[in-house]
N, C-alpha and C. Protein backbone atom coordinates (compact mmCIF):
# COMPACT_ATOMS: atom_id res chain seq x y z
N MET A 1 -196.94 -96.99 120.92
CA MET A 1 -198.05 -97.89 120.83
C MET A 1 -198.03 -98.52 119.43
N PRO A 2 -198.19 -99.82 119.35
CA PRO A 2 -198.23 -100.47 118.03
C PRO A 2 -199.59 -100.28 117.36
N TYR A 3 -199.58 -100.50 116.05
CA TYR A 3 -200.80 -100.39 115.24
C TYR A 3 -200.88 -101.57 114.29
N ILE A 4 -202.10 -101.95 113.96
CA ILE A 4 -202.34 -102.96 112.94
C ILE A 4 -203.03 -102.27 111.77
N ILE A 5 -202.43 -102.44 110.58
CA ILE A 5 -202.99 -101.86 109.37
C ILE A 5 -203.61 -103.00 108.57
N THR A 6 -204.90 -102.89 108.28
CA THR A 6 -205.61 -103.90 107.50
C THR A 6 -206.05 -103.26 106.19
N VAL A 7 -205.61 -103.85 105.08
CA VAL A 7 -205.98 -103.35 103.76
C VAL A 7 -206.93 -104.36 103.13
N THR A 8 -208.12 -103.91 102.81
CA THR A 8 -209.12 -104.75 102.16
C THR A 8 -209.33 -104.19 100.76
N GLU A 9 -209.23 -105.05 99.77
CA GLU A 9 -209.32 -104.62 98.38
C GLU A 9 -210.19 -105.59 97.59
N PRO A 10 -211.03 -105.07 96.70
CA PRO A 10 -211.81 -105.98 95.87
C PRO A 10 -210.89 -106.88 95.06
N ALA A 11 -211.20 -108.15 95.02
CA ALA A 11 -210.37 -109.11 94.28
C ALA A 11 -210.89 -109.34 92.88
N ASN A 12 -212.14 -108.96 92.62
CA ASN A 12 -212.69 -109.13 91.27
C ASN A 12 -213.72 -108.05 90.99
N ALA A 13 -214.25 -108.05 89.81
CA ALA A 13 -215.13 -106.97 89.36
C ALA A 13 -216.40 -106.83 90.18
N ASP A 14 -216.94 -107.94 90.71
CA ASP A 14 -218.19 -107.80 91.46
C ASP A 14 -217.96 -107.46 92.93
N ALA A 15 -216.71 -107.37 93.34
CA ALA A 15 -216.32 -106.95 94.70
C ALA A 15 -216.91 -107.82 95.79
N SER A 16 -217.43 -108.99 95.45
CA SER A 16 -217.96 -109.87 96.49
C SER A 16 -216.85 -110.67 97.15
N ASP A 17 -215.72 -110.74 96.50
CA ASP A 17 -214.58 -111.47 97.04
C ASP A 17 -213.48 -110.46 97.32
N VAL A 18 -213.07 -110.33 98.55
CA VAL A 18 -212.03 -109.38 98.91
C VAL A 18 -210.85 -110.10 99.53
N TRP A 19 -209.69 -109.48 99.47
CA TRP A 19 -208.54 -110.02 100.19
C TRP A 19 -208.10 -109.00 101.21
N LYS A 20 -207.47 -109.49 102.24
CA LYS A 20 -207.00 -108.62 103.31
C LYS A 20 -205.52 -108.83 103.52
N ASP A 21 -204.86 -107.72 103.80
CA ASP A 21 -203.44 -107.74 104.15
C ASP A 21 -203.33 -107.05 105.50
N ARG A 22 -202.75 -107.75 106.49
CA ARG A 22 -202.58 -107.17 107.82
C ARG A 22 -201.11 -107.03 108.13
N THR A 23 -200.75 -105.86 108.63
CA THR A 23 -199.37 -105.57 108.97
C THR A 23 -199.36 -104.86 110.32
N ALA A 24 -198.37 -105.17 111.13
CA ALA A 24 -198.19 -104.47 112.40
C ALA A 24 -196.99 -103.55 112.30
N VAL A 25 -197.11 -102.39 112.93
CA VAL A 25 -196.01 -101.43 113.00
C VAL A 25 -195.96 -100.90 114.43
N ALA A 26 -194.84 -100.26 114.76
CA ALA A 26 -194.63 -99.85 116.15
C ALA A 26 -195.17 -98.45 116.47
N THR A 27 -195.29 -97.57 115.47
CA THR A 27 -195.65 -96.19 115.77
C THR A 27 -196.72 -95.68 114.80
N LEU A 28 -197.33 -94.57 115.17
CA LEU A 28 -198.33 -93.94 114.31
C LEU A 28 -197.69 -93.45 113.01
N ASP A 29 -196.48 -92.93 113.08
CA ASP A 29 -195.80 -92.49 111.86
C ASP A 29 -195.60 -93.65 110.89
N GLU A 30 -195.22 -94.81 111.42
CA GLU A 30 -195.07 -95.99 110.56
C GLU A 30 -196.42 -96.44 110.01
N ALA A 31 -197.47 -96.28 110.80
CA ALA A 31 -198.82 -96.63 110.32
C ALA A 31 -199.22 -95.72 109.17
N ARG A 32 -198.90 -94.44 109.29
CA ARG A 32 -199.20 -93.51 108.20
C ARG A 32 -198.43 -93.89 106.93
N LYS A 33 -197.16 -94.24 107.08
CA LYS A 33 -196.35 -94.65 105.92
C LYS A 33 -196.95 -95.89 105.25
N ALA A 34 -197.40 -96.84 106.06
CA ALA A 34 -198.01 -98.05 105.51
C ALA A 34 -199.32 -97.71 104.79
N ALA A 35 -200.09 -96.79 105.35
CA ALA A 35 -201.35 -96.39 104.71
C ALA A 35 -201.07 -95.68 103.39
N TYR A 36 -200.06 -94.81 103.36
CA TYR A 36 -199.69 -94.15 102.10
C TYR A 36 -199.28 -95.19 101.06
N ALA A 37 -198.52 -96.19 101.47
CA ALA A 37 -198.10 -97.24 100.54
C ALA A 37 -199.32 -98.00 100.01
N ALA A 38 -200.32 -98.21 100.86
CA ALA A 38 -201.51 -98.95 100.43
C ALA A 38 -202.37 -98.14 99.48
N ILE A 39 -202.25 -96.82 99.49
CA ILE A 39 -203.00 -96.00 98.54
C ILE A 39 -202.57 -96.37 97.12
N GLY A 40 -201.28 -96.67 96.95
CA GLY A 40 -200.74 -97.22 95.71
C GLY A 40 -201.23 -96.58 94.43
N GLU A 41 -201.91 -97.36 93.60
CA GLU A 41 -202.34 -96.92 92.28
C GLU A 41 -203.28 -95.73 92.34
N ASN A 42 -203.93 -95.54 93.44
CA ASN A 42 -204.85 -94.40 93.58
C ASN A 42 -204.09 -93.09 93.77
N ASP A 43 -202.76 -93.15 93.75
CA ASP A 43 -201.94 -91.99 94.02
C ASP A 43 -201.51 -91.26 92.75
N ASN A 44 -202.00 -91.70 91.58
CA ASN A 44 -201.56 -91.05 90.35
C ASN A 44 -202.78 -90.84 89.46
N PRO A 45 -203.39 -89.70 89.35
CA PRO A 45 -202.98 -88.49 90.07
C PRO A 45 -203.30 -88.63 91.55
N PRO A 46 -202.69 -87.82 92.37
CA PRO A 46 -202.87 -87.99 93.82
C PRO A 46 -204.34 -88.03 94.24
N TYR A 47 -204.66 -89.00 95.03
CA TYR A 47 -206.01 -89.13 95.57
C TYR A 47 -206.04 -88.33 96.87
N PHE A 48 -206.41 -87.07 96.76
CA PHE A 48 -206.25 -86.15 97.87
C PHE A 48 -207.10 -86.50 99.08
N ASP A 49 -208.29 -87.06 98.87
CA ASP A 49 -209.10 -87.46 100.02
C ASP A 49 -208.36 -88.52 100.83
N GLY A 50 -207.70 -89.45 100.15
CA GLY A 50 -206.91 -90.47 100.84
C GLY A 50 -205.75 -89.87 101.60
N HIS A 51 -205.06 -88.93 100.97
CA HIS A 51 -203.94 -88.26 101.64
C HIS A 51 -204.42 -87.50 102.87
N PHE A 52 -205.54 -86.80 102.72
CA PHE A 52 -206.09 -86.06 103.85
C PHE A 52 -206.45 -87.01 104.99
N ALA A 53 -207.07 -88.14 104.65
CA ALA A 53 -207.46 -89.11 105.68
C ALA A 53 -206.23 -89.68 106.39
N VAL A 54 -205.16 -89.98 105.63
CA VAL A 54 -203.94 -90.50 106.25
C VAL A 54 -203.31 -89.44 107.14
N ASP A 55 -203.22 -88.21 106.63
CA ASP A 55 -202.64 -87.11 107.43
C ASP A 55 -203.45 -86.86 108.70
N SER A 56 -204.74 -87.15 108.66
CA SER A 56 -205.62 -86.89 109.80
C SER A 56 -205.64 -88.01 110.83
N LEU A 57 -204.99 -89.13 110.55
CA LEU A 57 -205.00 -90.23 111.51
C LEU A 57 -204.39 -89.78 112.83
N GLU A 58 -205.07 -90.11 113.91
CA GLU A 58 -204.58 -89.79 115.25
C GLU A 58 -204.33 -91.08 116.00
N ALA A 59 -204.00 -90.98 117.26
CA ALA A 59 -203.61 -92.14 118.06
C ALA A 59 -204.68 -93.23 118.09
N ASP A 60 -205.94 -92.86 117.92
CA ASP A 60 -207.01 -93.87 117.96
C ASP A 60 -207.25 -94.52 116.60
N GLY A 61 -206.40 -94.22 115.61
CA GLY A 61 -206.49 -94.87 114.30
C GLY A 61 -207.60 -94.30 113.46
N GLY A 62 -208.07 -95.09 112.51
CA GLY A 62 -209.15 -94.64 111.65
C GLY A 62 -209.19 -95.42 110.35
N THR A 63 -210.07 -94.99 109.45
CA THR A 63 -210.28 -95.67 108.18
C THR A 63 -210.00 -94.70 107.04
N VAL A 64 -209.33 -95.20 106.00
CA VAL A 64 -209.06 -94.45 104.79
C VAL A 64 -209.79 -95.15 103.66
N GLY A 65 -210.68 -94.46 103.00
CA GLY A 65 -211.39 -95.05 101.87
C GLY A 65 -212.86 -95.20 102.16
N PRO A 66 -213.54 -95.79 101.20
CA PRO A 66 -212.97 -96.54 100.09
C PRO A 66 -212.32 -95.60 99.05
N LEU A 67 -211.19 -96.05 98.53
CA LEU A 67 -210.48 -95.35 97.47
C LEU A 67 -211.18 -95.64 96.15
N PRO A 68 -210.80 -94.97 95.06
CA PRO A 68 -211.49 -95.18 93.78
C PRO A 68 -211.55 -96.64 93.32
N ASP A 69 -210.55 -97.45 93.66
CA ASP A 69 -210.59 -98.86 93.24
C ASP A 69 -211.30 -99.75 94.25
N GLY A 70 -211.86 -99.16 95.32
CA GLY A 70 -212.57 -99.94 96.33
C GLY A 70 -211.74 -100.32 97.54
N THR A 71 -210.46 -100.03 97.51
CA THR A 71 -209.58 -100.36 98.64
C THR A 71 -209.99 -99.59 99.88
N VAL A 72 -209.99 -100.28 101.03
CA VAL A 72 -210.23 -99.66 102.33
C VAL A 72 -209.05 -99.99 103.22
N ILE A 73 -208.50 -98.96 103.88
CA ILE A 73 -207.35 -99.11 104.75
C ILE A 73 -207.80 -98.78 106.17
N GLU A 74 -207.65 -99.74 107.07
CA GLU A 74 -208.02 -99.52 108.46
C GLU A 74 -206.75 -99.50 109.30
N VAL A 75 -206.60 -98.48 110.12
CA VAL A 75 -205.48 -98.37 111.04
C VAL A 75 -206.05 -98.44 112.45
N ALA A 76 -205.63 -99.46 113.21
CA ALA A 76 -206.18 -99.66 114.55
C ALA A 76 -205.06 -99.77 115.57
N PRO A 77 -205.19 -99.05 116.68
CA PRO A 77 -204.21 -99.21 117.74
C PRO A 77 -204.30 -100.63 118.32
N ALA A 78 -203.18 -101.12 118.77
CA ALA A 78 -203.12 -102.45 119.38
C ALA A 78 -202.27 -102.33 120.64
N THR A 79 -202.28 -103.39 121.41
CA THR A 79 -201.37 -103.46 122.54
C THR A 79 -200.27 -104.44 122.18
N TRP A 80 -199.18 -104.36 122.88
CA TRP A 80 -198.11 -105.33 122.63
C TRP A 80 -198.61 -106.74 122.93
N ALA A 81 -199.52 -106.86 123.90
CA ALA A 81 -200.09 -108.17 124.23
C ALA A 81 -200.88 -108.73 123.05
N ASP A 82 -201.54 -107.85 122.26
CA ASP A 82 -202.27 -108.31 121.08
C ASP A 82 -201.32 -108.99 120.08
N LEU A 83 -200.10 -108.52 120.03
CA LEU A 83 -199.14 -109.02 119.04
C LEU A 83 -198.25 -110.13 119.57
N VAL A 84 -198.05 -110.18 120.88
CA VAL A 84 -197.04 -111.07 121.45
C VAL A 84 -197.42 -112.55 121.38
N ASP A 85 -198.70 -112.88 121.17
CA ASP A 85 -199.09 -114.29 121.15
C ASP A 85 -198.33 -115.08 120.09
N THR A 86 -197.82 -114.42 119.07
CA THR A 86 -197.06 -115.13 118.04
C THR A 86 -195.69 -115.58 118.55
N LEU A 87 -195.26 -115.02 119.67
CA LEU A 87 -193.94 -115.36 120.20
C LEU A 87 -193.97 -116.38 121.33
N VAL A 88 -195.15 -116.69 121.83
CA VAL A 88 -195.24 -117.65 122.93
C VAL A 88 -194.61 -118.97 122.51
N ASN A 89 -193.81 -119.51 123.35
CA ASN A 89 -193.09 -120.76 123.14
C ASN A 89 -191.94 -120.66 122.14
N SER A 90 -191.72 -119.49 121.56
CA SER A 90 -190.62 -119.41 120.59
C SER A 90 -189.43 -118.63 121.12
N MET A 91 -189.58 -117.99 122.26
CA MET A 91 -188.49 -117.16 122.77
C MET A 91 -187.92 -117.67 124.08
N ASP A 92 -188.46 -118.74 124.66
CA ASP A 92 -188.05 -119.23 125.97
C ASP A 92 -188.04 -118.07 126.96
N ASP A 93 -186.91 -117.86 127.65
CA ASP A 93 -186.84 -116.79 128.63
C ASP A 93 -186.09 -115.58 128.11
N ALA A 94 -185.81 -115.54 126.82
CA ALA A 94 -185.08 -114.40 126.25
C ALA A 94 -185.94 -113.15 126.31
N PRO A 95 -185.32 -112.00 126.48
CA PRO A 95 -186.12 -110.77 126.47
C PRO A 95 -186.76 -110.57 125.10
N ILE A 96 -187.96 -110.07 125.11
CA ILE A 96 -188.68 -109.84 123.87
C ILE A 96 -188.62 -108.35 123.53
N GLU A 97 -188.08 -108.05 122.38
CA GLU A 97 -187.96 -106.68 121.92
C GLU A 97 -189.14 -106.34 121.02
N ALA A 98 -189.47 -105.07 120.94
CA ALA A 98 -190.58 -104.62 120.12
C ALA A 98 -190.42 -105.06 118.67
N ASP A 99 -189.21 -104.96 118.13
CA ASP A 99 -188.97 -105.37 116.74
C ASP A 99 -189.27 -106.85 116.54
N ASP A 100 -188.95 -107.69 117.54
CA ASP A 100 -189.23 -109.12 117.45
C ASP A 100 -190.74 -109.39 117.42
N ILE A 101 -191.47 -108.64 118.22
CA ILE A 101 -192.92 -108.83 118.27
C ILE A 101 -193.53 -108.47 116.93
N ILE A 102 -193.14 -107.32 116.38
CA ILE A 102 -193.69 -106.87 115.08
C ILE A 102 -193.31 -107.87 113.99
N ALA A 103 -192.06 -108.32 113.95
CA ALA A 103 -191.62 -109.27 112.92
C ALA A 103 -192.40 -110.57 113.02
N ALA A 104 -192.64 -111.05 114.23
CA ALA A 104 -193.38 -112.30 114.40
C ALA A 104 -194.83 -112.14 113.95
N PHE A 105 -195.46 -111.01 114.29
CA PHE A 105 -196.83 -110.78 113.86
C PHE A 105 -196.91 -110.73 112.34
N ASN A 106 -196.00 -110.01 111.72
CA ASN A 106 -196.02 -109.85 110.26
C ASN A 106 -195.66 -111.13 109.53
N ALA A 107 -195.00 -112.07 110.19
CA ALA A 107 -194.61 -113.33 109.55
C ALA A 107 -195.79 -114.30 109.47
N ARG A 108 -196.85 -114.04 110.24
CA ARG A 108 -198.02 -114.95 110.24
C ARG A 108 -198.71 -114.93 108.92
């Protein structure tokens, strides 16, 4: 099952302006790796609550954070149909592989 990882982070000191980064991955293990990567600067010294939250993610996804810098990481299950709209009209009748769907979603 694919997952969409959304990272929301304060863009300035008043936290009223945030930016989001969305990434699609094919498996829960890849979603956990992406969430660990998003912990980033909060990992030194290790932000154990974040690690625990990532380790605890199950098939239905979940939220990690807010981390000390205000970052929130959301992991949500998706369907291949949720991601495939980026490939409509670009693949003709060629078979669509999971890697192609993820790459197309992430290229948006």
